[in-house]
Each structure stands twice: as C-alpha cells, then as structure tokens.
Amino acid sequence: DVDTGRLVLAAIAKVNAELGTTTIVITHNSAIAGMADRVLRLSCGRIVREEPNPNRITAEDVQW
C-alpha cells in the first residue's frame, strides 16, 4: 500500500543520507525515480541514458 511504500522509501533515503551509502533502486515508477540524484534509463539490458536529478523529491512527495 502507499503508506508502507513511503515508509520504505523514507528508510532507504535515511540510510543513504546518514551513512553515505550508495543505494540502487530499480523501478518502473518514474515518480520514485524522482528521489534519486541520478537516474539511469535502460533498454534491452543496456544503459541508454543517464540523467542527473538536481530537483530530488522526498518519499512524502512521491505520487503513486
């Protein structure tokens, strides 16, 4: 459900921020991709585009 999804995304973001870890999230949801500082687009198993994201959103801002 949406609330649990937001809790999980917030926990991932917290670990990333507090521990400085690299986090890889694979999703078909472009709204979730909005949380990333960098987005890689794949097609047929290959990276076809790399996009920096200077306007990151928080888990609370993700629209499902």
PDB file of N, CA and C in Angstrom:
ATOM      1  N   ASP A   1       0.829  -1.179   0.000  1.00  0.00           N
ATOM      2  CA  ASP A   1       0.000   0.000   0.000  1.00  0.00           C
ATOM      3  C   ASP A   1       0.882   1.254   0.000  1.00  0.00           C
ATOM      4  N   VAL A   2       0.291   2.378  -0.258  1.00  0.00           N
ATOM      5  CA  VAL A   2       1.022   3.644  -0.418  1.00  0.00           C
ATOM      6  C   VAL A   2       1.769   4.035   0.849  1.00  0.00           C
ATOM      7  N   ASP A   3       1.125   3.920   1.996  1.00  0.00           N
ATOM      8  CA  ASP A   3       1.773   4.329   3.249  1.00  0.00           C
ATOM      9  C   ASP A   3       3.018   3.492   3.540  1.00  0.00           C
ATOM     10  N   THR A   4       2.916   2.183   3.348  1.00  0.00           N
ATOM     11  CA  THR A   4       4.072   1.315   3.571  1.00  0.00           C
ATOM     12  C   THR A   4       5.172   1.617   2.562  1.00  0.00           C
ATOM     13  N   GLY A   5       4.792   1.856   1.330  1.00  0.00           N
ATOM     14  CA  GLY A   5       5.774   2.223   0.306  1.00  0.00           C
ATOM     15  C   GLY A   5       6.543   3.474   0.685  1.00  0.00           C
ATOM     16  N   ARG A   6       5.837   4.460   1.178  1.00  0.00           N
ATOM     17  CA  ARG A   6       6.500   5.707   1.595  1.00  0.00           C
ATOM     18  C   ARG A   6       7.433   5.473   2.781  1.00  0.00           C
ATOM     19  N   LEU A   7       7.015   4.628   3.722  1.00  0.00           N
ATOM     20  CA  LEU A   7       7.878   4.312   4.865  1.00  0.00           C
ATOM     21  C   LEU A   7       9.169   3.639   4.405  1.00  0.00           C
ATOM     22  N   VAL A   8       9.056   2.699   3.482  1.00  0.00           N
ATOM     23  CA  VAL A   8      10.238   2.005   2.962  1.00  0.00           C
ATOM     24  C   VAL A   8      11.149   2.980   2.223  1.00  0.00           C
ATOM     25  N   LEU A   9      10.575   3.818   1.373  1.00  0.00           N
ATOM     26  CA  LEU A   9      11.380   4.797   0.631  1.00  0.00           C
ATOM     27  C   LEU A   9      12.063   5.783   1.572  1.00  0.00           C
ATOM     28  N   ALA A  10      11.361   6.214   2.611  1.00  0.00           N
ATOM     29  CA  ALA A  10      11.953   7.136   3.585  1.00  0.00           C
ATOM     30  C   ALA A  10      13.101   6.462   4.333  1.00  0.00           C
ATOM     31  N   ALA A  11      12.955   5.185   4.663  1.00  0.00           N
ATOM     32  CA  ALA A  11      14.022   4.452   5.351  1.00  0.00           C
ATOM     33  C   ALA A  11      15.250   4.315   4.459  1.00  0.00           C
ATOM     34  N   ILE A  12      15.045   4.020   3.188  1.00  0.00           N
ATOM     35  CA  ILE A  12      16.163   3.927   2.242  1.00  0.00           C
ATOM     36  C   ILE A  12      16.867   5.271   2.134  1.00  0.00           C
ATOM     37  N   ALA A  13      16.106   6.345   2.022  1.00  0.00           N
ATOM     38  CA  ALA A  13      16.692   7.688   1.917  1.00  0.00           C
ATOM     39  C   ALA A  13      17.463   8.049   3.179  1.00  0.00           C
ATOM     40  N   LYS A  14      16.952   7.648   4.342  1.00  0.00           N
ATOM     41  CA  LYS A  14      17.624   7.950   5.613  1.00  0.00           C
ATOM     42  C   LYS A  14      18.967   7.226   5.702  1.00  0.00           C
ATOM     43  N   VAL A  15      18.994   5.956   5.355  1.00  0.00           N
ATOM     44  CA  VAL A  15      20.248   5.194   5.365  1.00  0.00           C
ATOM     45  C   VAL A  15      21.242   5.829   4.404  1.00  0.00           C
ATOM     46  N   ASN A  16      20.778   6.196   3.228  1.00  0.00           N
ATOM     47  CA  ASN A  16      21.634   6.839   2.230  1.00  0.00           C
ATOM     48  C   ASN A  16      22.224   8.132   2.765  1.00  0.00           C
ATOM     49  N   ALA A  17      21.410   8.966   3.384  1.00  0.00           N
ATOM     50  CA  ALA A  17      21.870  10.268   3.877  1.00  0.00           C
ATOM     51  C   ALA A  17      22.770  10.143   5.103  1.00  0.00           C
ATOM     52  N   GLU A  18      22.384   9.298   6.046  1.00  0.00           N
ATOM     53  CA  GLU A  18      23.117   9.220   7.310  1.00  0.00           C
ATOM     54  C   GLU A  18      24.395   8.399   7.227  1.00  0.00           C
ATOM     55  N   LEU A  19      24.401   7.374   6.393  1.00  0.00           N
ATOM     56  CA  LEU A  19      25.570   6.505   6.302  1.00  0.00           C
ATOM     57  C   LEU A  19      26.397   6.750   5.048  1.00  0.00           C
ATOM     58  N   GLY A  20      25.882   7.572   4.148  1.00  0.00           N
ATOM     59  CA  GLY A  20      26.611   7.869   2.920  1.00  0.00           C
ATOM     60  C   GLY A  20      26.732   6.671   1.994  1.00  0.00           C
ATOM     61  N   THR A  21      25.774   5.778   2.071  1.00  0.00           N
ATOM     62  CA  THR A  21      25.814   4.577   1.246  1.00  0.00           C
ATOM     63  C   THR A  21      25.307   4.859  -0.164  1.00  0.00           C
ATOM     64  N   THR A  22      25.734   4.027  -1.074  1.00  0.00           N
ATOM     65  CA  THR A  22      25.163   4.046  -2.412  1.00  0.00           C
ATOM     66  C   THR A  22      23.933   3.151  -2.385  1.00  0.00           C
ATOM     67  N   THR A  23      22.852   3.633  -2.942  1.00  0.00           N
ATOM     68  CA  THR A  23      21.611   2.874  -2.972  1.00  0.00           C
ATOM     69  C   THR A  23      21.172   2.719  -4.414  1.00  0.00           C
ATOM     70  N   ILE A  24      20.865   1.503  -4.795  1.00  0.00           N
ATOM     71  CA  ILE A  24      20.359   1.243  -6.141  1.00  0.00           C
ATOM     72  C   ILE A  24      18.912   0.789  -6.006  1.00  0.00           C
ATOM     73  N   VAL A  25      18.015   1.519  -6.640  1.00  0.00           N
ATOM     74  CA  VAL A  25      16.599   1.178  -6.632  1.00  0.00           C
ATOM     75  C   VAL A  25      16.184   0.954  -8.081  1.00  0.00           C
ATOM     76  N   ILE A  26      15.584  -0.174  -8.331  1.00  0.00           N
ATOM     77  CA  ILE A  26      15.111  -0.490  -9.678  1.00  0.00           C
ATOM     78  C   ILE A  26      13.593  -0.385  -9.658  1.00  0.00           C
ATOM     79  N   THR A  27      13.056   0.453 -10.548  1.00  0.00           N
ATOM     80  CA  THR A  27      11.610   0.678 -10.547  1.00  0.00           C
ATOM     81  C   THR A  27      11.116   1.045 -11.940  1.00  0.00           C
ATOM     82  N   HIS A  28       9.860   0.784 -12.167  1.00  0.00           N
ATOM     83  CA  HIS A  28       9.184   1.252 -13.375  1.00  0.00           C
ATOM     84  C   HIS A  28       8.399   2.522 -13.073  1.00  0.00           C
ATOM     85  N   ASN A  29       8.419   2.954 -11.818  1.00  0.00           N
ATOM     86  CA  ASN A  29       7.660   4.122 -11.377  1.00  0.00           C
ATOM     87  C   ASN A  29       8.541   5.365 -11.461  1.00  0.00           C
ATOM     88  N   SER A  30       8.293   6.218 -12.428  1.00  0.00           N
ATOM     89  CA  SER A  30       9.123   7.415 -12.609  1.00  0.00           C
ATOM     90  C   SER A  30       8.998   8.379 -11.433  1.00  0.00           C
ATOM     91  N   ALA A  31       7.909   8.311 -10.688  1.00  0.00           N
ATOM     92  CA  ALA A  31       7.772   9.169  -9.510  1.00  0.00           C
ATOM     93  C   ALA A  31       8.800   8.786  -8.451  1.00  0.00           C
ATOM     94  N   ILE A  32       9.015   7.493  -8.255  1.00  0.00           N
ATOM     95  CA  ILE A  32      10.028   7.032  -7.304  1.00  0.00           C
ATOM     96  C   ILE A  32      11.410   7.420  -7.798  1.00  0.00           C
ATOM     97  N   ALA A  33      11.635   7.341  -9.088  1.00  0.00           N
ATOM     98  CA  ALA A  33      12.929   7.737  -9.653  1.00  0.00           C
ATOM     99  C   ALA A  33      13.236   9.194  -9.348  1.00  0.00           C
ATOM    100  N   GLY A  34      12.208   9.992  -9.087  1.00  0.00           N
ATOM    101  CA  GLY A  34      12.402  11.397  -8.743  1.00  0.00           C
ATOM    102  C   GLY A  34      13.138  11.608  -7.431  1.00  0.00           C
ATOM    103  N   MET A  35      13.259  10.561  -6.611  1.00  0.00           N
ATOM    104  CA  MET A  35      14.005  10.664  -5.358  1.00  0.00           C
ATOM    105  C   MET A  35      15.511  10.539  -5.572  1.00  0.00           C
ATOM    106  N   ALA A  36      15.911  10.024  -6.703  1.00  0.00           N
ATOM    107  CA  ALA A  36      17.332   9.743  -6.956  1.00  0.00           C
ATOM    108  C   ALA A  36      18.096  10.991  -7.368  1.00  0.00           C
ATOM    109  N   ASP A  37      19.386  11.001  -7.039  1.00  0.00           N
ATOM    110  CA  ASP A  37      20.215  12.106  -7.520  1.00  0.00           C
ATOM    111  C   ASP A  37      20.725  11.830  -8.928  1.00  0.00           C
ATOM    112  N   ARG A  38      20.598  10.571  -9.367  1.00  0.00           N
ATOM    113  CA  ARG A  38      20.982  10.211 -10.729  1.00  0.00           C
ATOM    114  C   ARG A  38      20.090   9.063 -11.180  1.00  0.00           C
ATOM    115  N   VAL A  39      19.603   9.135 -12.406  1.00  0.00           N
ATOM    116  CA  VAL A  39      18.711   8.109 -12.946  1.00  0.00           C
ATOM    117  C   VAL A  39      19.339   7.533 -14.205  1.00  0.00           C
ATOM    118  N   LEU A  40      19.415   6.217 -14.253  1.00  0.00           N
ATOM    119  CA  LEU A  40      19.894   5.524 -15.442  1.00  0.00           C
ATOM    120  C   LEU A  40      18.692   4.883 -16.121  1.00  0.00           C
ATOM    121  N   ARG A  41      18.535   5.125 -17.402  1.00  0.00           N
ATOM    122  CA  ARG A  41      17.438   4.532 -18.180  1.00  0.00           C
ATOM    123  C   ARG A  41      18.012   3.364 -18.969  1.00  0.00           C
ATOM    124  N   LEU A  42      17.321   2.237 -18.922  1.00  0.00           N
ATOM    125  CA  LEU A  42      17.786   1.045 -19.614  1.00  0.00           C
ATOM    126  C   LEU A  42      16.798   0.614 -20.683  1.00  0.00           C
ATOM    127  N   SER A  43      17.339  -0.016 -21.706  1.00  0.00           N
ATOM    128  CA  SER A  43      16.527  -0.634 -22.746  1.00  0.00           C
ATOM    129  C   SER A  43      17.251  -1.898 -23.183  1.00  0.00           C
ATOM    130  N   CYS A  44      16.559  -2.995 -23.189  1.00  0.00           N
ATOM    131  CA  CYS A  44      17.147  -4.281 -23.579  1.00  0.00           C
ATOM    132  C   CYS A  44      18.415  -4.582 -22.783  1.00  0.00           C
ATOM    133  N   GLY A  45      18.410  -4.236 -21.493  1.00  0.00           N
ATOM    134  CA  GLY A  45      19.526  -4.547 -20.623  1.00  0.00           C
ATOM    135  C   GLY A  45      20.730  -3.632 -20.737  1.00  0.00           C
ATOM    136  N   ARG A  46      20.616  -2.550 -21.487  1.00  0.00           N
ATOM    137  CA  ARG A  46      21.737  -1.619 -21.659  1.00  0.00           C
ATOM    138  C   ARG A  46      21.330  -0.215 -21.230  1.00  0.00           C
ATOM    139  N   ILE A  47      22.304   0.505 -20.668  1.00  0.00           N
ATOM    140  CA  ILE A  47      22.056   1.897 -20.300  1.00  0.00           C
ATOM    141  C   ILE A  47      21.961   2.716 -21.578  1.00  0.00           C
ATOM    142  N   VAL A  48      20.840   3.390 -21.757  1.00  0.00           N
ATOM    143  CA  VAL A  48      20.650   4.218 -22.953  1.00  0.00           C
ATOM    144  C   VAL A  48      20.673   5.707 -22.624  1.00  0.00           C
ATOM    145  N   ARG A  49      20.525   6.026 -21.329  1.00  0.00           N
ATOM    146  CA  ARG A  49      20.541   7.436 -20.948  1.00  0.00           C
ATOM    147  C   ARG A  49      20.863   7.553 -19.462  1.00  0.00           C
ATOM    148  N   GLU A  50      21.674   8.549 -19.130  1.00  0.00           N
ATOM    149  CA  GLU A  50      21.975   8.868 -17.740  1.00  0.00           C
ATOM    150  C   GLU A  50      21.527  10.295 -17.492  1.00  0.00           C
ATOM    151  N   GLU A  51      20.732  10.477 -16.448  1.00  0.00           N
ATOM    152  CA  GLU A  51      20.162  11.789 -16.175  1.00  0.00           C
ATOM    153  C   GLU A  51      20.464  12.219 -14.747  1.00  0.00           C
ATOM    154  N   PRO A  52      21.179  13.326 -14.553  1.00  0.00           N
ATOM    155  CA  PRO A  52      21.298  13.859 -13.197  1.00  0.00           C
ATOM    156  C   PRO A  52      19.946  14.427 -12.771  1.00  0.00           C
ATOM    157  N   ASN A  53      19.686  14.441 -11.488  1.00  0.00           N
ATOM    158  CA  ASN A  53      18.413  14.956 -10.990  1.00  0.00           C
ATOM    159  C   ASN A  53      18.686  16.019  -9.928  1.00  0.00           C
ATOM    160  N   PRO A  54      18.786  17.270 -10.316  1.00  0.00           N
ATOM    161  CA  PRO A  54      19.081  18.331  -9.345  1.00  0.00           C
ATOM    162  C   PRO A  54      17.887  18.689  -8.454  1.00  0.00           C
ATOM    163  N   ASN A  55      16.689  18.224  -8.799  1.00  0.00           N
ATOM    164  CA  ASN A  55      15.471  18.579  -8.051  1.00  0.00           C
ATOM    165  C   ASN A  55      14.838  17.348  -7.419  1.00  0.00           C
ATOM    166  N   ARG A  56      15.581  16.703  -6.534  1.00  0.00           N
ATOM    167  CA  ARG A  56      15.089  15.484  -5.900  1.00  0.00           C
ATOM    168  C   ARG A  56      13.843  15.752  -5.056  1.00  0.00           C
ATOM    169  N   ILE A  57      12.989  14.743  -4.998  1.00  0.00           N
ATOM    170  CA  ILE A  57      11.805  14.821  -4.149  1.00  0.00           C
ATOM    171  C   ILE A  57      11.993  13.890  -2.950  1.00  0.00           C
ATOM    172  N   THR A  58      11.171  14.061  -1.931  1.00  0.00           N
ATOM    173  CA  THR A  58      11.211  13.191  -0.756  1.00  0.00           C
ATOM    174  C   THR A  58      10.186  12.071  -0.918  1.00  0.00           C
ATOM    175  N   ALA A  59      10.276  11.085  -0.043  1.00  0.00           N
ATOM    176  CA  ALA A  59       9.317   9.976  -0.077  1.00  0.00           C
ATOM    177  C   ALA A  59       7.887  10.482   0.083  1.00  0.00           C
ATOM    178  N   GLU A  60       7.718  11.510   0.900  1.00  0.00           N
ATOM    179  CA  GLU A  60       6.379  12.060   1.125  1.00  0.00           C
ATOM    180  C   GLU A  60       5.803  12.709  -0.134  1.00  0.00           C
ATOM    181  N   ASP A  61       6.684  13.146  -1.043  1.00  0.00           N
ATOM    182  CA  ASP A  61       6.242  13.823  -2.263  1.00  0.00           C
ATOM    183  C   ASP A  61       5.950  12.871  -3.420  1.00  0.00           C
ATOM    184  N   VAL A  62       6.285  11.594  -3.265  1.00  0.00           N
ATOM    185  CA  VAL A  62       6.057  10.630  -4.350  1.00  0.00           C
ATOM    186  C   VAL A  62       4.559  10.478  -4.570  1.00  0.00           C
ATOM    187  N   GLN A  63       4.132  10.651  -5.800  1.00  0.00           N
ATOM    188  CA  GLN A  63       2.725  10.475  -6.183  1.00  0.00           C
ATOM    189  C   GLN A  63       2.565   9.103  -6.821  1.00  0.00           C
ATOM    190  N   TRP A  64       1.736   8.258  -6.236  1.00  0.00           N
ATOM    191  CA  TRP A  64       1.570   6.886  -6.698  1.00  0.00           C
ATOM    192  C   TRP A  64       0.520   6.792  -7.745  1.00  0.00           C
TER     193      TRP A  64
END
